């Protein structure tokens, strides 16, 4: 199944605020809305409060920077017991 995307932004992408220690957000869903499409995003460590923002904002490097694949946050609280 292809990932839902909008140009350079796709569901599952992670972004961080354009500050040195900003939180990391993950795109949960992309909604087609007028006049601009929006993404439903949430902080990767706090998935209980998603926020709807403009996809164009995610594409603006003055606000958010994509997290490289090798630095993505992985939730280890997935029910698997690790030693």
C-alpha atoms as a PDB file:
ATOM      1  CA  UNK A   1       0.000   0.000   0.000  1.00  0.00           C
ATOM      2  CA  UNK A   2       1.546   3.349  -0.970  1.00  0.00           C
ATOM      3  CA  UNK A   3       2.134   5.942   1.705  1.00  0.00           C
ATOM      4  CA  UNK A   4      -0.161   8.932   1.618  1.00  0.00           C
ATOM      5  CA  UNK A   5       1.961  11.912   0.620  1.00  0.00           C
ATOM      6  CA  UNK A   6       1.888  15.560  -0.331  1.00  0.00           C
ATOM      7  CA  UNK A   7       4.955  16.494  -2.335  1.00  0.00           C
ATOM      8  CA  UNK A   8       7.929  16.046  -0.013  1.00  0.00           C
ATOM      9  CA  UNK A   9       5.812  15.120   3.033  1.00  0.00           C
ATOM     10  CA  UNK A  10       4.420  11.616   3.573  1.00  0.00           C
ATOM     11  CA  UNK A  11       2.654   9.798   6.389  1.00  0.00           C
ATOM     12  CA  UNK A  12       5.284   8.397   8.742  1.00  0.00           C
ATOM     13  CA  UNK A  13       7.791  11.191   8.115  1.00  0.00           C
ATOM     14  CA  UNK A  14       9.358  12.724  11.186  1.00  0.00           C
ATOM     15  CA  UNK A  15      10.234  16.386  11.642  1.00  0.00           C
ATOM     16  CA  UNK A  16      11.838  18.440  14.365  1.00  0.00           C
ATOM     17  CA  UNK A  17      11.477  22.109  15.113  1.00  0.00           C
ATOM     18  CA  UNK A  18      14.176  24.253  13.516  1.00  0.00           C
ATOM     19  CA  UNK A  19      15.837  24.718  16.910  1.00  0.00           C
ATOM     20  CA  UNK A  20      18.804  22.797  18.332  1.00  0.00           C
ATOM     21  CA  UNK A  21      16.816  20.642  20.791  1.00  0.00           C
ATOM     22  CA  UNK A  22      13.291  20.865  19.425  1.00  0.00           C
ATOM     23  CA  UNK A  23      10.800  18.014  19.834  1.00  0.00           C
ATOM     24  CA  UNK A  24      10.309  15.456  17.081  1.00  0.00           C
ATOM     25  CA  UNK A  25       6.909  15.191  15.390  1.00  0.00           C
ATOM     26  CA  UNK A  26       5.529  12.446  13.170  1.00  0.00           C
ATOM     27  CA  UNK A  27       2.981  12.835  10.363  1.00  0.00           C
ATOM     28  CA  UNK A  28      -0.036  10.630  11.135  1.00  0.00           C
ATOM     29  CA  UNK A  29      -2.343  11.588   8.292  1.00  0.00           C
ATOM     30  CA  UNK A  30      -2.564  14.091   5.461  1.00  0.00           C
ATOM     31  CA  UNK A  31      -5.951  15.706   4.872  1.00  0.00           C
ATOM     32  CA  UNK A  32      -6.976  17.415   1.671  1.00  0.00           C
ATOM     33  CA  UNK A  33      -8.466  20.718   2.783  1.00  0.00           C
ATOM     34  CA  UNK A  34      -9.018  24.040   1.068  1.00  0.00           C
ATOM     35  CA  UNK A  35      -7.283  26.389   0.611  1.00  0.00           C
ATOM     36  CA  UNK A  36      -4.234  24.252   1.600  1.00  0.00           C
ATOM     37  CA  UNK A  37      -3.807  20.627   2.636  1.00  0.00           C
ATOM     38  CA  UNK A  38      -3.080  19.890   6.286  1.00  0.00           C
ATOM     39  CA  UNK A  39      -1.240  17.166   8.161  1.00  0.00           C
ATOM     40  CA  UNK A  40      -2.228  15.583  11.438  1.00  0.00           C
ATOM     41  CA  UNK A  41       0.981  15.468  13.464  1.00  0.00           C
ATOM     42  CA  UNK A  42       1.904  14.429  16.982  1.00  0.00           C
ATOM     43  CA  UNK A  43       4.978  14.497  19.188  1.00  0.00           C
ATOM     44  CA  UNK A  44       6.586  11.076  18.947  1.00  0.00           C
ATOM     45  CA  UNK A  45       6.807  10.772  22.744  1.00  0.00           C
ATOM     46  CA  UNK A  46       3.266  11.996  23.384  1.00  0.00           C
ATOM     47  CA  UNK A  47       0.873  10.451  20.891  1.00  0.00           C
ATOM     48  CA  UNK A  48      -2.287  11.407  22.802  1.00  0.00           C
ATOM     49  CA  UNK A  49      -2.638  14.935  21.440  1.00  0.00           C
ATOM     50  CA  UNK A  50      -2.335  15.162  17.654  1.00  0.00           C
ATOM     51  CA  UNK A  51      -2.395  18.592  16.040  1.00  0.00           C
ATOM     52  CA  UNK A  52      -3.610  19.662  12.612  1.00  0.00           C
ATOM     53  CA  UNK A  53      -1.186  21.984  10.791  1.00  0.00           C
ATOM     54  CA  UNK A  54      -0.627  23.139   7.240  1.00  0.00           C
ATOM     55  CA  UNK A  55       1.484  20.818   5.101  1.00  0.00           C
ATOM     56  CA  UNK A  56       3.097  23.942   3.637  1.00  0.00           C
ATOM     57  CA  UNK A  57       4.390  24.741   7.123  1.00  0.00           C
ATOM     58  CA  UNK A  58       6.098  21.348   7.274  1.00  0.00           C
ATOM     59  CA  UNK A  59       7.785  22.121   3.963  1.00  0.00           C
ATOM     60  CA  UNK A  60       9.090  25.472   5.254  1.00  0.00           C
ATOM     61  CA  UNK A  61      12.674  24.949   6.515  1.00  0.00           C
ATOM     62  CA  UNK A  62      12.300  27.996   8.771  1.00  0.00           C
ATOM     63  CA  UNK A  63       9.926  25.986  10.984  1.00  0.00           C
ATOM     64  CA  UNK A  64      10.610  22.256  10.632  1.00  0.00           C
ATOM     65  CA  UNK A  65      13.522  20.108   9.495  1.00  0.00           C
ATOM     66  CA  UNK A  66      13.116  16.496   8.347  1.00  0.00           C
ATOM     67  CA  UNK A  67      14.689  13.889  10.618  1.00  0.00           C
ATOM     68  CA  UNK A  68      17.136  11.677   8.646  1.00  0.00           C
ATOM     69  CA  UNK A  69      16.175   7.999   8.423  1.00  0.00           C
ATOM     70  CA  UNK A  70      19.106   6.929  10.613  1.00  0.00           C
ATOM     71  CA  UNK A  71      18.052   9.363  13.383  1.00  0.00           C
ATOM     72  CA  UNK A  72      14.307   8.649  13.474  1.00  0.00           C
ATOM     73  CA  UNK A  73      12.718   8.080  16.850  1.00  0.00           C
ATOM     74  CA  UNK A  74      11.564   4.496  17.323  1.00  0.00           C
ATOM     75  CA  UNK A  75       9.043   3.793  20.045  1.00  0.00           C
ATOM     76  CA  UNK A  76      10.470   0.897  22.058  1.00  0.00           C
ATOM     77  CA  UNK A  77       7.292   0.616  24.138  1.00  0.00           C
ATOM     78  CA  UNK A  78       5.710  -1.825  21.717  1.00  0.00           C
ATOM     79  CA  UNK A  79       4.935  -4.640  24.162  1.00  0.00           C
ATOM     80  CA  UNK A  80       8.037  -6.665  23.326  1.00  0.00           C
ATOM     81  CA  UNK A  81      10.150  -7.544  26.344  1.00  0.00           C
ATOM     82  CA  UNK A  82      13.805  -6.802  25.670  1.00  0.00           C
ATOM     83  CA  UNK A  83      16.741  -7.642  27.919  1.00  0.00           C
END
